[in-house]
C-alpha atoms as a PDB file:
ATOM      1  CA  MET A   1     -90.726 -93.924  -5.822  1.00  0.00           C
ATOM      2  CA  ALA A   2     -91.446 -97.035  -7.839  1.00  0.00           C
ATOM      3  CA  GLY A   3     -93.169 -99.998  -6.234  1.00  0.00           C
ATOM      4  CA  ARG A   4     -91.370-103.249  -5.546  1.00  0.00           C
ATOM      5  CA  SER A   5     -91.630-105.968  -8.152  1.00  0.00           C
ATOM      6  CA  ALA A   6     -90.809-109.610  -8.760  1.00  0.00           C
ATOM      7  CA  LEU A   7     -90.319-111.794 -11.806  1.00  0.00           C
ATOM      8  CA  VAL A   8     -91.420-115.425 -11.603  1.00  0.00           C
ATOM      9  CA  VAL A   9     -90.193-117.975 -14.144  1.00  0.00           C
ATOM     10  CA  SER A  10     -91.702-121.417 -14.687  1.00  0.00           C
ATOM     11  CA  THR A  11     -92.478-123.607 -17.669  1.00  0.00           C
ATOM     12  CA  ASP A  12     -95.549-124.954 -15.821  1.00  0.00           C
ATOM     13  CA  VAL A  13     -98.538-122.602 -16.252  1.00  0.00           C
ATOM     14  CA  HIS A  14    -100.244-123.794 -13.069  1.00  0.00           C
ATOM     15  CA  ARG A  15     -97.212-123.248 -10.847  1.00  0.00           C
ATOM     16  CA  LEU A  16     -96.545-119.926 -12.573  1.00  0.00           C
ATOM     17  CA  SER A  17    -100.059-118.819 -11.647  1.00  0.00           C
ATOM     18  CA  ASP A  18     -99.600-120.061  -8.069  1.00  0.00           C
ATOM     19  CA  TYR A  19     -96.335-118.118  -7.684  1.00  0.00           C
ATOM     20  CA  LYS A  20     -97.872-114.951  -9.087  1.00  0.00           C
ATOM     21  CA  LEU A  21    -100.860-115.182  -6.765  1.00  0.00           C
ATOM     22  CA  ALA A  22     -98.739-115.883  -3.676  1.00  0.00           C
ATOM     23  CA  LEU A  23     -96.259-113.082  -4.397  1.00  0.00           C
ATOM     24  CA  ALA A  24     -98.962-110.519  -5.195  1.00  0.00           C
ATOM     25  CA  ASP A  25     -99.447-110.019  -1.451  1.00  0.00           C
ATOM     26  CA  ILE A  26     -95.901-108.752  -0.920  1.00  0.00           C
ATOM     27  CA  PHE A  27     -94.982-107.117  -4.243  1.00  0.00           C
ATOM     28  CA  ASP A  28     -96.675-104.265  -6.057  1.00  0.00           C
ATOM     29  CA  GLU A  29     -96.057-105.931  -9.419  1.00  0.00           C
ATOM     30  CA  VAL A  30     -95.415-109.564 -10.293  1.00  0.00           C
ATOM     31  CA  HIS A  31     -94.218-110.226 -13.832  1.00  0.00           C
ATOM     32  CA  HIS A  32     -93.978-113.697 -15.310  1.00  0.00           C
ATOM     33  CA  ALA A  33     -92.043-115.598 -17.944  1.00  0.00           C
ATOM     34  CA  SER A  34     -92.292-119.167 -19.166  1.00  0.00           C
ATOM     35  CA  THR A  35     -88.904-119.435 -20.877  1.00  0.00           C
ATOM     36  CA  PHE A  36     -85.299-118.577 -20.138  1.00  0.00           C
ATOM     37  CA  ALA A  37     -85.152-116.199 -23.132  1.00  0.00           C
ATOM     38  CA  GLU A  38     -88.353-114.413 -22.119  1.00  0.00           C
ATOM     39  CA  ALA A  39     -87.044-114.062 -18.562  1.00  0.00           C
ATOM     40  CA  LYS A  40     -83.818-112.411 -19.780  1.00  0.00           C
ATOM     41  CA  ILE A  41     -85.822-109.848 -21.755  1.00  0.00           C
ATOM     42  CA  LEU A  42     -88.149-109.104 -18.832  1.00  0.00           C
ATOM     43  CA  LEU A  43     -85.265-108.826 -16.379  1.00  0.00           C
ATOM     44  CA  LEU A  44     -83.746-106.043 -18.475  1.00  0.00           C
ATOM     45  CA  ASP A  45     -87.074-104.400 -19.303  1.00  0.00           C
ATOM     46  CA  LYS A  46     -88.813-104.537 -15.912  1.00  0.00           C
ATOM     47  CA  ARG A  47     -85.725-104.574 -13.654  1.00  0.00           C
ATOM     48  CA  PRO A  48     -87.481-106.400 -10.801  1.00  0.00           C
ATOM     49  CA  ASP A  49     -86.271-106.462  -7.230  1.00  0.00           C
ATOM     50  CA  VAL A  50     -86.583-110.235  -6.870  1.00  0.00           C
ATOM     51  CA  LEU A  51     -86.337-113.180  -9.261  1.00  0.00           C
ATOM     52  CA  VAL A  52     -88.129-116.427  -8.399  1.00  0.00           C
ATOM     53  CA  ALA A  53     -87.167-119.065 -10.959  1.00  0.00           C
ATOM     54  CA  GLU A  54     -87.567-122.793 -11.136  1.00  0.00           C
ATOM     55  CA  VAL A  55     -84.333-124.694 -11.516  1.00  0.00           C
ATOM     56  CA  ARG A  56     -85.592-126.605 -14.583  1.00  0.00           C
ATOM     57  CA  LEU A  57     -86.349-124.321 -17.525  1.00  0.00           C
ATOM     58  CA  LEU A  58     -86.381-126.873 -20.359  1.00  0.00           C
ATOM     59  CA  GLU A  59     -82.912-126.802 -21.917  1.00  0.00           C
ATOM     60  CA  PHE A  60     -81.800-124.057 -19.535  1.00  0.00           C
ATOM     61  CA  ASN A  61     -81.729-123.706 -15.796  1.00  0.00           C
ATOM     62  CA  GLY A  62     -82.694-121.099 -13.256  1.00  0.00           C
ATOM     63  CA  ILE A  63     -79.237-120.992 -11.715  1.00  0.00           C
ATOM     64  CA  HIS A  64     -77.815-119.964 -15.097  1.00  0.00           C
ATOM     65  CA  LEU A  65     -80.406-117.178 -15.147  1.00  0.00           C
ATOM     66  CA  VAL A  66     -79.193-115.997 -11.735  1.00  0.00           C
ATOM     67  CA  LEU A  67     -75.575-116.037 -12.912  1.00  0.00           C
ATOM     68  CA  TRP A  68     -76.462-114.168 -16.121  1.00  0.00           C
ATOM     69  CA  SER A  69     -78.421-111.542 -14.187  1.00  0.00           C
ATOM     70  CA  GLN A  70     -75.525-110.764 -11.825  1.00  0.00           C
ATOM     71  CA  ASN A  71     -73.758-108.786 -14.546  1.00  0.00           C
ATOM     72  CA  GLN A  72     -76.930-107.087 -15.733  1.00  0.00           C
ATOM     73  CA  LEU A  73     -78.664-106.412 -12.398  1.00  0.00           C
ATOM     74  CA  PRO A  74     -76.196-106.715  -9.534  1.00  0.00           C
ATOM     75  CA  GLU A  75     -78.824-105.697  -6.927  1.00  0.00           C
ATOM     76  CA  LEU A  76     -81.292-108.420  -7.996  1.00  0.00           C
ATOM     77  CA  ARG A  77     -82.118-110.930  -5.277  1.00  0.00           C
ATOM     78  CA  SER A  78     -82.986-114.467  -6.369  1.00  0.00           C
ATOM     79  CA  VAL A  79     -84.847-117.560  -5.221  1.00  0.00           C
ATOM     80  CA  ILE A  80     -84.483-120.870  -7.067  1.00  0.00           C
ATOM     81  CA  VAL A  81     -87.241-123.486  -6.749  1.00  0.00           C
ATOM     82  CA  GLY A  82     -86.658-127.185  -7.357  1.00  0.00           C
ATOM     83  CA  ASP A  83     -86.786-130.736  -6.067  1.00  0.00           C
ATOM     84  CA  PRO A  84     -84.895-131.592  -2.892  1.00  0.00           C
ATOM     85  CA  ASP A  85     -81.297-131.779  -4.118  1.00  0.00           C
ATOM     86  CA  LEU A  86     -78.265-130.885  -2.022  1.00  0.00           C
ATOM     87  CA  VAL A  87     -76.054-130.305  -5.074  1.00  0.00           C
ATOM     88  CA  LEU A  88     -78.528-127.899  -6.716  1.00  0.00           C
ATOM     89  CA  GLU A  89     -79.077-126.159  -3.387  1.00  0.00           C
ATOM     90  CA  ARG A  90     -75.323-125.725  -2.975  1.00  0.00           C
ATOM     91  CA  ASP A  91     -74.998-124.422  -6.547  1.00  0.00           C
ATOM     92  CA  ALA A  92     -77.886-121.987  -6.080  1.00  0.00           C
ATOM     93  CA  ASN A  93     -76.419-120.721  -2.807  1.00  0.00           C
ATOM     94  CA  ALA A  94     -72.983-120.349  -4.418  1.00  0.00           C
ATOM     95  CA  ALA A  95     -74.631-118.230  -7.119  1.00  0.00           C
ATOM     96  CA  GLY A  96     -76.131-116.036  -4.395  1.00  0.00           C
ATOM     97  CA  ALA A  97     -79.683-117.416  -4.535  1.00  0.00           C
ATOM     98  CA  ALA A  98     -81.876-119.002  -1.902  1.00  0.00           C
ATOM     99  CA  TYR A  99     -83.047-122.526  -2.771  1.00  0.00           C
ATOM    100  CA  ARG A 100     -86.561-123.704  -1.895  1.00  0.00           C
ATOM    101  CA  GLN A 101     -88.509-126.850  -2.720  1.00  0.00           C
ATOM    102  CA  TYR A 102     -91.481-127.201  -5.063  1.00  0.00           C
ATOM    103  CA  GLY A 103     -94.774-127.209  -3.230  1.00  0.00           C
ATOM    104  CA  ASP A 104     -93.553-125.250  -0.207  1.00  0.00           C
ATOM    105  CA  MET A 105     -95.159-121.964  -1.209  1.00  0.00           C
ATOM    106  CA  LYS A 106     -94.838-120.539   2.290  1.00  0.00           C
ATOM    107  CA  ALA A 107     -91.042-121.039   2.191  1.00  0.00           C
ATOM    108  CA  ILE A 108     -90.830-119.639  -1.339  1.00  0.00           C
ATOM    109  CA  VAL A 109     -92.784-116.511  -0.398  1.00  0.00           C
ATOM    110  CA  SER A 110     -90.762-116.137   2.796  1.00  0.00           C
ATOM    111  CA  ALA A 111     -87.483-116.337   0.856  1.00  0.00           C
ATOM    112  CA  ALA A 112     -88.747-113.778  -1.666  1.00  0.00           C
ATOM    113  CA  GLN A 113     -89.826-111.508   1.174  1.00  0.00           C
ATOM    114  CA  GLU A 114     -86.463-111.891   2.920  1.00  0.00           C
ATOM    115  CA  THR A 115     -84.622-110.960  -0.241  1.00  0.00           C
ATOM    116  CA  ARG A 116     -87.005-108.030  -0.683  1.00  0.00           C
ATOM    117  CA  SER A 117     -86.354-106.885   2.890  1.00  0.00           C
ATOM    118  CA  THR A 118     -82.595-107.245   2.438  1.00  0.00           C
ATOM    119  CA  ARG A 119     -82.717-105.061  -0.638  1.00  0.00           C
ATOM    120  CA  ASN A 120     -84.879-102.471   1.101  1.00  0.00           C
ATOM    121  CA  ARG A 121     -82.360-102.200   3.932  1.00  0.00           C
ATOM    122  CA  THR A 122     -79.444-101.787   1.544  1.00  0.00           C
ATOM    123  CA  ALA A 123     -81.341 -99.126  -0.426  1.00  0.00           C
ATOM    124  CA  SER A 124     -81.937 -97.041   2.719  1.00  0.00           C
END
């Protein structure tokens, strides 16, 4: 049985490192990408259980990545990270992703863990 994995996506190398470190406690593997295009490739190659992506990915956005992944990986659970913004939160939720704020690593990890737990229950 393969271990559980996550993919984190951020254009900021420091936050990317912080996400990877925080998620390493709950996932066997944590992959990372710094661009939308790289994330799409890794999603198909690594097929992670959970996607944690920042909402701002230069000219792209994490919610678009969630929407794209729904056709490719329908079991993927997603967490979008961004500034406090009710519209983005609503859009992320409508796309099936949790929305958490930058800097609240505990909430981000908790959301990733909840999505991981949800997937584990549905796989049983």
